[in-house]
Structure formats: C-alpha cells, structure tokens
Amino acid sequence: MTSSTRKSPLTAVTGLLSFVLVVGGASGLLHEWLGWIRFMGFVRFLVPDGYEVYGYVVMVVLGLAVGAAGDALTRRGRA
C-alpha cells in the first residue's frame, strides 16, 4: 500500500521536532522524578539549572503544540 499524496518538508520537520520535544521532555521528567537513565541526555542543556521540572513540562507542551500545528498544516494542504 503506497500513498499517492506527498508530505511537505515542513510536515516532516514539525513531526521530528515534536517527537524530540515530547520524548526529551518526558524522559527528563522521568529522570528528575524517578532517577531513571536519561534517554535523550542532550536536552538537559536546553533547561536552566534549578528549573528542570518546569523546563521539561514546557518542552512537552511545546512539542504537543508543534505537533498540532504540523497536523493542521497537513490537513489544510489536503483540503
């Protein structure tokens, strides 16, 4: 099964950015709360010291917003 519709590069970029923000923020929260191993350790450089939990929550919310915006762009292009 192949799809005849092509995805725009903007859709691919927003999808990747959304994934990195949501997974990075969630893994940072798990590390802060439970002490688990960091899955995406580079995101700790994006959050200021002392505000880790707030920063990771903002990353998750921002990732969800970017994903919703990318989905809206995809649906708008189909119509």
Protein backbone atom coordinates (compact mmCIF):
# COMPACT_ATOMS: atom_id res chain seq x y z
CA MET A 1 0.00 0.00 0.00
CA THR A 2 1.51 3.23 -1.11
CA SER A 3 0.09 6.65 -0.64
CA SER A 4 -0.25 8.94 -3.63
CA THR A 5 -0.14 12.10 -1.51
CA ARG A 6 3.27 13.54 -0.76
CA LYS A 7 4.22 15.08 2.56
CA SER A 8 5.72 18.52 2.53
CA PRO A 9 9.16 19.01 4.10
CA LEU A 10 7.57 21.31 6.68
CA THR A 11 5.35 18.47 7.87
CA ALA A 12 8.35 16.19 8.29
CA VAL A 13 10.31 18.84 10.21
CA THR A 14 7.42 19.63 12.56
CA GLY A 15 6.87 15.92 13.18
CA LEU A 16 10.54 15.38 14.04
CA LEU A 17 10.69 18.48 16.24
CA SER A 18 7.50 17.45 18.02
CA PHE A 19 8.89 13.97 18.68
CA VAL A 20 12.19 15.28 20.05
CA LEU A 21 10.48 17.79 22.34
CA VAL A 22 7.87 15.40 23.73
CA VAL A 23 10.20 12.43 24.23
CA GLY A 24 13.04 14.59 25.54
CA GLY A 25 10.77 16.40 27.99
CA ALA A 26 9.14 13.18 29.17
CA SER A 27 12.49 11.44 29.67
CA GLY A 28 13.77 14.48 31.56
CA LEU A 29 10.74 14.40 33.84
CA LEU A 30 11.21 10.69 34.47
CA HIS A 31 14.85 11.31 35.31
CA GLU A 32 14.02 14.14 37.72
CA TRP A 33 11.18 12.32 39.47
CA LEU A 34 12.34 8.71 39.46
CA GLY A 35 16.07 8.88 38.78
CA TRP A 36 15.87 6.76 35.65
CA ILE A 37 18.51 6.87 32.94
CA ARG A 38 18.21 9.77 30.55
CA PHE A 39 17.04 8.66 27.13
CA MET A 40 17.85 11.93 25.35
CA GLY A 41 20.56 13.44 27.51
CA PHE A 42 21.27 16.44 25.29
CA VAL A 43 18.01 18.14 26.29
CA ARG A 44 19.43 18.88 29.74
CA PHE A 45 21.45 21.66 28.08
CA LEU A 46 18.20 23.35 26.97
CA VAL A 47 16.87 23.74 30.53
CA PRO A 48 18.29 26.23 33.08
CA ASP A 49 19.68 24.87 36.34
CA GLY A 50 17.17 24.88 39.16
CA TYR A 51 14.17 24.90 36.82
CA GLU A 52 14.44 21.42 35.37
CA VAL A 53 10.89 20.22 36.06
CA TYR A 54 9.32 23.42 34.72
CA GLY A 55 11.55 23.34 31.66
CA TYR A 56 10.70 19.73 30.85
CA VAL A 57 6.98 20.39 31.24
CA VAL A 58 7.30 23.36 28.88
CA MET A 59 9.15 21.12 26.41
CA VAL A 60 6.34 18.54 26.44
CA VAL A 61 3.64 21.19 26.00
CA LEU A 62 5.60 22.92 23.24
CA GLY A 63 6.14 19.61 21.48
CA LEU A 64 2.41 18.88 21.57
CA ALA A 65 1.68 22.36 20.20
CA VAL A 66 4.20 21.95 17.37
CA GLY A 67 2.71 18.55 16.54
CA ALA A 68 -0.81 20.01 16.45
CA ALA A 69 0.35 22.86 14.22
CA GLY A 70 2.03 20.42 11.85
CA ASP A 71 -1.12 18.31 11.72
CA ALA A 72 -3.20 21.42 10.99
CA LEU A 73 -0.85 22.33 8.14
CA THR A 74 -1.17 18.83 6.72
CA ARG A 75 -4.97 18.88 6.88
CA ARG A 76 -5.08 22.37 5.38
CA GLY A 77 -2.95 21.24 2.45
CA ARG A 78 -5.30 18.32 1.69
CA ALA A 79 -8.44 20.44 1.53
